[in-house]
Amino acid sequence: MAQLKRRATAKWQGNGLEGKGTLTGPSGVLNETPYSFKARFQNEDGTAGTNPEELIAAAHAGCFTMALSFQIANAGFTADSLETSATLVMNEENGGFAPGEIILDLTGRVTGLDESKFRELAETAKANCPISKALAAVPMRLNVTFES
Protein backbone atom coordinates (compact mmCIF):
# COMPACT_ATOMS: atom_id res chain seq x y z
CA MET A 1 0.00 0.00 0.00
CA ALA A 2 1.41 3.37 -1.02
CA GLN A 3 1.72 5.99 1.65
CA LEU A 4 2.36 9.73 1.49
CA LYS A 5 3.65 11.73 4.41
CA ARG A 6 3.64 15.51 4.52
CA ARG A 7 5.10 17.49 7.37
CA ALA A 8 5.14 21.00 8.74
CA THR A 9 6.61 22.43 11.92
CA ALA A 10 5.16 25.04 14.26
CA LYS A 11 7.31 27.01 16.71
CA TRP A 12 5.80 29.26 19.39
CA GLN A 13 7.08 31.67 22.03
CA GLY A 14 5.01 33.36 24.72
CA ASN A 15 1.42 33.01 25.84
CA GLY A 16 -1.56 32.46 23.55
CA LEU A 17 -2.74 36.07 23.44
CA GLU A 18 0.55 37.94 23.07
CA GLY A 19 2.91 35.21 21.85
CA LYS A 20 3.99 34.58 18.32
CA GLY A 21 5.09 31.70 16.22
CA THR A 22 6.30 30.52 12.85
CA LEU A 23 5.29 27.74 10.50
CA THR A 24 7.81 25.97 8.28
CA GLY A 25 7.53 23.19 5.75
CA PRO A 26 10.14 21.38 3.67
CA SER A 27 8.88 22.86 0.37
CA GLY A 28 9.95 26.33 1.45
CA VAL A 29 6.50 27.81 0.79
CA LEU A 30 6.10 28.08 4.54
CA ASN A 31 9.51 29.28 5.59
CA GLU A 32 9.19 30.66 9.10
CA THR A 33 5.84 32.17 8.12
CA PRO A 34 4.57 34.18 11.09
CA TYR A 35 1.35 33.40 12.91
CA SER A 36 -0.16 34.75 16.11
CA PHE A 37 -3.39 35.47 17.93
CA LYS A 38 -3.60 38.80 16.11
CA ALA A 39 -3.09 37.14 12.71
CA ARG A 40 -5.68 34.54 13.59
CA PHE A 41 -8.46 36.61 15.15
CA GLN A 42 -7.86 40.31 14.52
CA ASN A 43 -6.15 40.68 11.12
CA GLU A 44 -8.42 39.38 8.37
CA ASP A 45 -6.36 40.94 5.56
CA GLY A 46 -3.46 38.61 6.38
CA THR A 47 -0.76 41.26 6.66
CA ALA A 48 0.23 40.07 10.15
CA GLY A 49 0.83 36.49 9.02
CA THR A 50 -1.14 33.34 8.39
CA ASN A 51 -3.34 31.22 10.62
CA PRO A 52 -4.41 27.58 10.77
CA GLU A 53 -7.84 28.32 9.30
CA GLU A 54 -6.34 30.01 6.23
CA LEU A 55 -4.07 27.03 5.71
CA ILE A 56 -7.02 24.62 5.96
CA ALA A 57 -8.93 26.72 3.39
CA ALA A 58 -5.92 26.79 1.06
CA ALA A 59 -5.41 23.04 1.39
CA HIS A 60 -9.07 22.37 0.68
CA ALA A 61 -9.24 24.71 -2.33
CA GLY A 62 -6.09 23.17 -3.81
CA CYS A 63 -7.07 19.56 -3.19
CA PHE A 64 -10.63 19.99 -4.46
CA THR A 65 -9.53 21.82 -7.62
CA MET A 66 -6.92 19.20 -8.46
CA ALA A 67 -9.42 16.40 -7.80
CA LEU A 68 -11.89 18.13 -10.12
CA SER A 69 -9.25 18.37 -12.86
CA PHE A 70 -8.82 14.58 -12.62
CA GLN A 71 -12.60 14.06 -12.75
CA ILE A 72 -12.77 16.23 -15.87
CA ALA A 73 -9.85 14.38 -17.49
CA ASN A 74 -11.45 11.00 -16.70
CA ALA A 75 -14.57 12.25 -18.49
CA GLY A 76 -12.45 12.95 -21.59
CA PHE A 77 -12.03 16.71 -21.28
CA THR A 78 -9.38 19.22 -20.25
CA ALA A 79 -10.19 22.19 -18.05
CA ASP A 80 -9.60 25.58 -19.66
CA SER A 81 -9.68 27.17 -16.22
CA LEU A 82 -10.72 26.22 -12.71
CA GLU A 83 -10.64 28.59 -9.75
CA THR A 84 -11.82 27.72 -6.27
CA SER A 85 -12.10 29.97 -3.26
CA ALA A 86 -12.55 28.06 -0.01
CA THR A 87 -13.95 29.77 3.06
CA LEU A 88 -13.76 28.13 6.47
CA VAL A 89 -16.47 29.67 8.65
CA MET A 90 -15.61 29.55 12.34
CA ASN A 91 -18.40 29.89 14.92
CA GLU A 92 -17.89 31.05 18.48
CA GLU A 93 -18.95 28.24 20.80
CA ASN A 94 -18.51 27.65 24.52
CA GLY A 95 -15.87 30.35 24.92
CA GLY A 96 -13.87 29.21 21.88
CA PHE A 97 -14.27 28.65 18.17
CA ALA A 98 -15.30 25.61 16.12
CA PRO A 99 -15.62 25.00 12.39
CA GLY A 100 -19.19 25.69 11.31
CA GLU A 101 -19.07 25.33 7.54
CA ILE A 102 -16.76 25.20 4.56
CA ILE A 103 -17.89 27.02 1.44
CA LEU A 104 -16.26 26.16 -1.89
CA ASP A 105 -16.89 28.79 -4.58
CA LEU A 106 -15.90 27.30 -7.91
CA THR A 107 -15.67 29.03 -11.27
CA GLY A 108 -14.77 26.88 -14.24
CA ARG A 109 -14.65 26.68 -17.99
CA VAL A 110 -14.25 23.41 -19.88
CA THR A 111 -14.61 23.44 -23.65
CA GLY A 112 -17.08 20.80 -24.85
CA LEU A 113 -18.44 19.91 -21.40
CA ASP A 114 -21.99 20.88 -20.49
CA GLU A 115 -22.85 22.61 -17.23
CA SER A 116 -24.84 19.69 -15.82
CA LYS A 117 -21.91 17.28 -16.20
CA PHE A 118 -19.51 19.91 -14.82
CA ARG A 119 -21.65 20.25 -11.69
CA GLU A 120 -21.82 16.46 -11.32
CA LEU A 121 -18.04 16.14 -11.58
CA ALA A 122 -17.57 18.98 -9.09
CA GLU A 123 -19.82 17.27 -6.55
CA THR A 124 -17.87 14.04 -7.01
CA ALA A 125 -14.58 15.88 -6.47
CA LYS A 126 -15.98 17.59 -3.36
CA ALA A 127 -17.01 14.25 -1.88
CA ASN A 128 -13.81 12.41 -2.72
CA CYS A 129 -10.81 14.73 -2.46
CA PRO A 130 -8.62 13.71 0.51
CA ILE A 131 -8.99 17.03 2.30
CA SER A 132 -12.80 16.86 2.03
CA LYS A 133 -12.59 13.41 3.57
CA ALA A 134 -10.38 14.72 6.38
CA LEU A 135 -12.86 17.51 7.05
CA ALA A 136 -15.99 15.35 6.71
CA ALA A 137 -17.28 16.39 10.15
CA VAL A 138 -17.72 19.95 8.87
CA PRO A 139 -20.73 20.75 6.64
CA MET A 140 -19.60 21.69 3.11
CA ARG A 141 -21.36 23.77 0.50
CA LEU A 142 -20.36 24.03 -3.15
CA ASN A 143 -21.32 27.05 -5.26
CA VAL A 144 -20.64 26.60 -8.98
CA THR A 145 -20.26 29.18 -11.71
CA PHE A 146 -19.86 27.58 -15.12
CA GLU A 147 -18.46 29.76 -17.88
CA SER A 148 -19.21 28.76 -21.46
C-alpha atoms as a PDB file:
ATOM      1  CA  MET A   1       0.000   0.000   0.000  1.00  0.00           C
ATOM      2  CA  ALA A   2       1.410   3.373  -1.023  1.00  0.00           C
ATOM      3  CA  GLN A   3       1.721   5.994   1.655  1.00  0.00           C
ATOM      4  CA  LEU A   4       2.356   9.734   1.492  1.00  0.00           C
ATOM      5  CA  LYS A   5       3.650  11.727   4.411  1.00  0.00           C
ATOM      6  CA  ARG A   6       3.635  15.514   4.520  1.00  0.00           C
ATOM      7  CA  ARG A   7       5.098  17.492   7.371  1.00  0.00           C
ATOM      8  CA  ALA A   8       5.138  21.003   8.738  1.00  0.00           C
ATOM      9  CA  THR A   9       6.611  22.427  11.925  1.00  0.00           C
ATOM     10  CA  ALA A  10       5.158  25.044  14.257  1.00  0.00           C
ATOM     11  CA  LYS A  11       7.308  27.006  16.709  1.00  0.00           C
ATOM     12  CA  TRP A  12       5.800  29.262  19.394  1.00  0.00           C
ATOM     13  CA  GLN A  13       7.076  31.673  22.029  1.00  0.00           C
ATOM     14  CA  GLY A  14       5.008  33.355  24.721  1.00  0.00           C
ATOM     15  CA  ASN A  15       1.421  33.014  25.836  1.00  0.00           C
ATOM     16  CA  GLY A  16      -1.556  32.463  23.552  1.00  0.00           C
ATOM     17  CA  LEU A  17      -2.735  36.070  23.441  1.00  0.00           C
ATOM     18  CA  GLU A  18       0.551  37.936  23.068  1.00  0.00           C
ATOM     19  CA  GLY A  19       2.906  35.215  21.853  1.00  0.00           C
ATOM     20  CA  LYS A  20       3.990  34.579  18.324  1.00  0.00           C
ATOM     21  CA  GLY A  21       5.086  31.702  16.217  1.00  0.00           C
ATOM     22  CA  THR A  22       6.301  30.522  12.848  1.00  0.00           C
ATOM     23  CA  LEU A  23       5.290  27.739  10.502  1.00  0.00           C
ATOM     24  CA  THR A  24       7.813  25.974   8.285  1.00  0.00           C
ATOM     25  CA  GLY A  25       7.526  23.187   5.750  1.00  0.00           C
ATOM     26  CA  PRO A  26      10.136  21.381   3.674  1.00  0.00           C
ATOM     27  CA  SER A  27       8.882  22.855   0.366  1.00  0.00           C
ATOM     28  CA  GLY A  28       9.948  26.330   1.451  1.00  0.00           C
ATOM     29  CA  VAL A  29       6.500  27.813   0.791  1.00  0.00           C
ATOM     30  CA  LEU A  30       6.099  28.080   4.540  1.00  0.00           C
ATOM     31  CA  ASN A  31       9.513  29.282   5.591  1.00  0.00           C
ATOM     32  CA  GLU A  32       9.194  30.658   9.098  1.00  0.00           C
ATOM     33  CA  THR A  33       5.835  32.169   8.116  1.00  0.00           C
ATOM     34  CA  PRO A  34       4.570  34.185  11.095  1.00  0.00           C
ATOM     35  CA  TYR A  35       1.351  33.402  12.913  1.00  0.00           C
ATOM     36  CA  SER A  36      -0.158  34.751  16.108  1.00  0.00           C
ATOM     37  CA  PHE A  37      -3.392  35.475  17.933  1.00  0.00           C
ATOM     38  CA  LYS A  38      -3.601  38.798  16.106  1.00  0.00           C
ATOM     39  CA  ALA A  39      -3.092  37.144  12.711  1.00  0.00           C
ATOM     40  CA  ARG A  40      -5.685  34.543  13.585  1.00  0.00           C
ATOM     41  CA  PHE A  41      -8.456  36.605  15.149  1.00  0.00           C
ATOM     42  CA  GLN A  42      -7.859  40.312  14.518  1.00  0.00           C
ATOM     43  CA  ASN A  43      -6.151  40.681  11.122  1.00  0.00           C
ATOM     44  CA  GLU A  44      -8.422  39.381   8.372  1.00  0.00           C
ATOM     45  CA  ASP A  45      -6.363  40.942   5.557  1.00  0.00           C
ATOM     46  CA  GLY A  46      -3.464  38.609   6.379  1.00  0.00           C
ATOM     47  CA  THR A  47      -0.763  41.264   6.661  1.00  0.00           C
ATOM     48  CA  ALA A  48       0.230  40.071  10.149  1.00  0.00           C
ATOM     49  CA  GLY A  49       0.833  36.487   9.016  1.00  0.00           C
ATOM     50  CA  THR A  50      -1.139  33.341   8.394  1.00  0.00           C
ATOM     51  CA  ASN A  51      -3.342  31.222  10.616  1.00  0.00           C
ATOM     52  CA  PRO A  52      -4.406  27.580  10.769  1.00  0.00           C
ATOM     53  CA  GLU A  53      -7.838  28.316   9.301  1.00  0.00           C
ATOM     54  CA  GLU A  54      -6.338  30.011   6.234  1.00  0.00           C
ATOM     55  CA  LEU A  55      -4.070  27.027   5.710  1.00  0.00           C
ATOM     56  CA  ILE A  56      -7.021  24.623   5.956  1.00  0.00           C
ATOM     57  CA  ALA A  57      -8.926  26.720   3.394  1.00  0.00           C
ATOM     58  CA  ALA A  58      -5.925  26.791   1.056  1.00  0.00           C
ATOM     59  CA  ALA A  59      -5.409  23.044   1.391  1.00  0.00           C
ATOM     60  CA  HIS A  60      -9.074  22.367   0.675  1.00  0.00           C
ATOM     61  CA  ALA A  61      -9.239  24.711  -2.327  1.00  0.00           C
ATOM     62  CA  GLY A  62      -6.088  23.169  -3.809  1.00  0.00           C
ATOM     63  CA  CYS A  63      -7.071  19.559  -3.187  1.00  0.00           C
ATOM     64  CA  PHE A  64     -10.630  19.990  -4.462  1.00  0.00           C
ATOM     65  CA  THR A  65      -9.535  21.822  -7.616  1.00  0.00           C
ATOM     66  CA  MET A  66      -6.918  19.201  -8.456  1.00  0.00           C
ATOM     67  CA  ALA A  67      -9.423  16.397  -7.799  1.00  0.00           C
ATOM     68  CA  LEU A  68     -11.890  18.126 -10.123  1.00  0.00           C
ATOM     69  CA  SER A  69      -9.253  18.369 -12.855  1.00  0.00           C
ATOM     70  CA  PHE A  70      -8.815  14.584 -12.618  1.00  0.00           C
ATOM     71  CA  GLN A  71     -12.596  14.056 -12.747  1.00  0.00           C
ATOM     72  CA  ILE A  72     -12.765  16.226 -15.874  1.00  0.00           C
ATOM     73  CA  ALA A  73      -9.851  14.377 -17.494  1.00  0.00           C
ATOM     74  CA  ASN A  74     -11.452  11.003 -16.698  1.00  0.00           C
ATOM     75  CA  ALA A  75     -14.573  12.253 -18.491  1.00  0.00           C
ATOM     76  CA  GLY A  76     -12.448  12.946 -21.588  1.00  0.00           C
ATOM     77  CA  PHE A  77     -12.030  16.713 -21.276  1.00  0.00           C
ATOM     78  CA  THR A  78      -9.377  19.221 -20.249  1.00  0.00           C
ATOM     79  CA  ALA A  79     -10.192  22.193 -18.050  1.00  0.00           C
ATOM     80  CA  ASP A  80      -9.600  25.577 -19.664  1.00  0.00           C
ATOM     81  CA  SER A  81      -9.679  27.169 -16.220  1.00  0.00           C
ATOM     82  CA  LEU A  82     -10.720  26.224 -12.709  1.00  0.00           C
ATOM     83  CA  GLU A  83     -10.639  28.589  -9.747  1.00  0.00           C
ATOM     84  CA  THR A  84     -11.823  27.723  -6.268  1.00  0.00           C
ATOM     85  CA  SER A  85     -12.098  29.974  -3.259  1.00  0.00           C
ATOM     86  CA  ALA A  86     -12.550  28.064  -0.006  1.00  0.00           C
ATOM     87  CA  THR A  87     -13.948  29.774   3.063  1.00  0.00           C
ATOM     88  CA  LEU A  88     -13.758  28.134   6.469  1.00  0.00           C
ATOM     89  CA  VAL A  89     -16.473  29.672   8.647  1.00  0.00           C
ATOM     90  CA  MET A  90     -15.609  29.550  12.341  1.00  0.00           C
ATOM     91  CA  ASN A  91     -18.395  29.892  14.918  1.00  0.00           C
ATOM     92  CA  GLU A  92     -17.889  31.045  18.482  1.00  0.00           C
ATOM     93  CA  GLU A  93     -18.953  28.244  20.801  1.00  0.00           C
ATOM     94  CA  ASN A  94     -18.514  27.650  24.517  1.00  0.00           C
ATOM     95  CA  GLY A  95     -15.866  30.348  24.916  1.00  0.00           C
ATOM     96  CA  GLY A  96     -13.874  29.209  21.878  1.00  0.00           C
ATOM     97  CA  PHE A  97     -14.273  28.647  18.166  1.00  0.00           C
ATOM     98  CA  ALA A  98     -15.298  25.611  16.124  1.00  0.00           C
ATOM     99  CA  PRO A  99     -15.620  24.999  12.386  1.00  0.00           C
ATOM    100  CA  GLY A 100     -19.189  25.690  11.312  1.00  0.00           C
ATOM    101  CA  GLU A 101     -19.066  25.334   7.543  1.00  0.00           C
ATOM    102  CA  ILE A 102     -16.758  25.197   4.555  1.00  0.00           C
ATOM    103  CA  ILE A 103     -17.888  27.021   1.435  1.00  0.00           C
ATOM    104  CA  LEU A 104     -16.262  26.158  -1.888  1.00  0.00           C
ATOM    105  CA  ASP A 105     -16.892  28.788  -4.578  1.00  0.00           C
ATOM    106  CA  LEU A 106     -15.899  27.298  -7.914  1.00  0.00           C
ATOM    107  CA  THR A 107     -15.665  29.030 -11.272  1.00  0.00           C
ATOM    108  CA  GLY A 108     -14.765  26.881 -14.241  1.00  0.00           C
ATOM    109  CA  ARG A 109     -14.646  26.677 -17.992  1.00  0.00           C
ATOM    110  CA  VAL A 110     -14.248  23.406 -19.883  1.00  0.00           C
ATOM    111  CA  THR A 111     -14.611  23.442 -23.654  1.00  0.00           C
ATOM    112  CA  GLY A 112     -17.081  20.800 -24.846  1.00  0.00           C
ATOM    113  CA  LEU A 113     -18.442  19.908 -21.402  1.00  0.00           C
ATOM    114  CA  ASP A 114     -21.995  20.879 -20.495  1.00  0.00           C
ATOM    115  CA  GLU A 115     -22.850  22.610 -17.233  1.00  0.00           C
ATOM    116  CA  SER A 116     -24.837  19.686 -15.818  1.00  0.00           C
ATOM    117  CA  LYS A 117     -21.909  17.278 -16.200  1.00  0.00           C
ATOM    118  CA  PHE A 118     -19.510  19.909 -14.815  1.00  0.00           C
ATOM    119  CA  ARG A 119     -21.653  20.247 -11.689  1.00  0.00           C
ATOM    120  CA  GLU A 120     -21.825  16.459 -11.323  1.00  0.00           C
ATOM    121  CA  LEU A 121     -18.040  16.139 -11.580  1.00  0.00           C
ATOM    122  CA  ALA A 122     -17.567  18.982  -9.091  1.00  0.00           C
ATOM    123  CA  GLU A 123     -19.819  17.268  -6.550  1.00  0.00           C
ATOM    124  CA  THR A 124     -17.867  14.035  -7.010  1.00  0.00           C
ATOM    125  CA  ALA A 125     -14.582  15.885  -6.467  1.00  0.00           C
ATOM    126  CA  LYS A 126     -15.979  17.586  -3.363  1.00  0.00           C
ATOM    127  CA  ALA A 127     -17.012  14.251  -1.876  1.00  0.00           C
ATOM    128  CA  ASN A 128     -13.806  12.415  -2.722  1.00  0.00           C
ATOM    129  CA  CYS A 129     -10.815  14.729  -2.457  1.00  0.00           C
ATOM    130  CA  PRO A 130      -8.625  13.707   0.511  1.00  0.00           C
ATOM    131  CA  ILE A 131      -8.990  17.033   2.303  1.00  0.00           C
ATOM    132  CA  SER A 132     -12.804  16.864   2.025  1.00  0.00           C
ATOM    133  CA  LYS A 133     -12.590  13.411   3.572  1.00  0.00           C
ATOM    134  CA  ALA A 134     -10.379  14.717   6.376  1.00  0.00           C
ATOM    135  CA  LEU A 135     -12.864  17.511   7.050  1.00  0.00           C
ATOM    136  CA  ALA A 136     -15.993  15.355   6.706  1.00  0.00           C
ATOM    137  CA  ALA A 137     -17.283  16.387  10.149  1.00  0.00           C
ATOM    138  CA  VAL A 138     -17.724  19.955   8.873  1.00  0.00           C
ATOM    139  CA  PRO A 139     -20.726  20.754   6.638  1.00  0.00           C
ATOM    140  CA  MET A 140     -19.602  21.688   3.105  1.00  0.00           C
ATOM    141  CA  ARG A 141     -21.365  23.773   0.496  1.00  0.00           C
ATOM    142  CA  LEU A 142     -20.357  24.033  -3.153  1.00  0.00           C
ATOM    143  CA  ASN A 143     -21.324  27.051  -5.255  1.00  0.00           C
ATOM    144  CA  VAL A 144     -20.641  26.597  -8.977  1.00  0.00           C
ATOM    145  CA  THR A 145     -20.261  29.185 -11.709  1.00  0.00           C
ATOM    146  CA  PHE A 146     -19.856  27.579 -15.115  1.00  0.00           C
ATOM    147  CA  GLU A 147     -18.461  29.758 -17.883  1.00  0.00           C
ATOM    148  CA  SER A 148     -19.211  28.763 -21.458  1.00  0.00           C
END
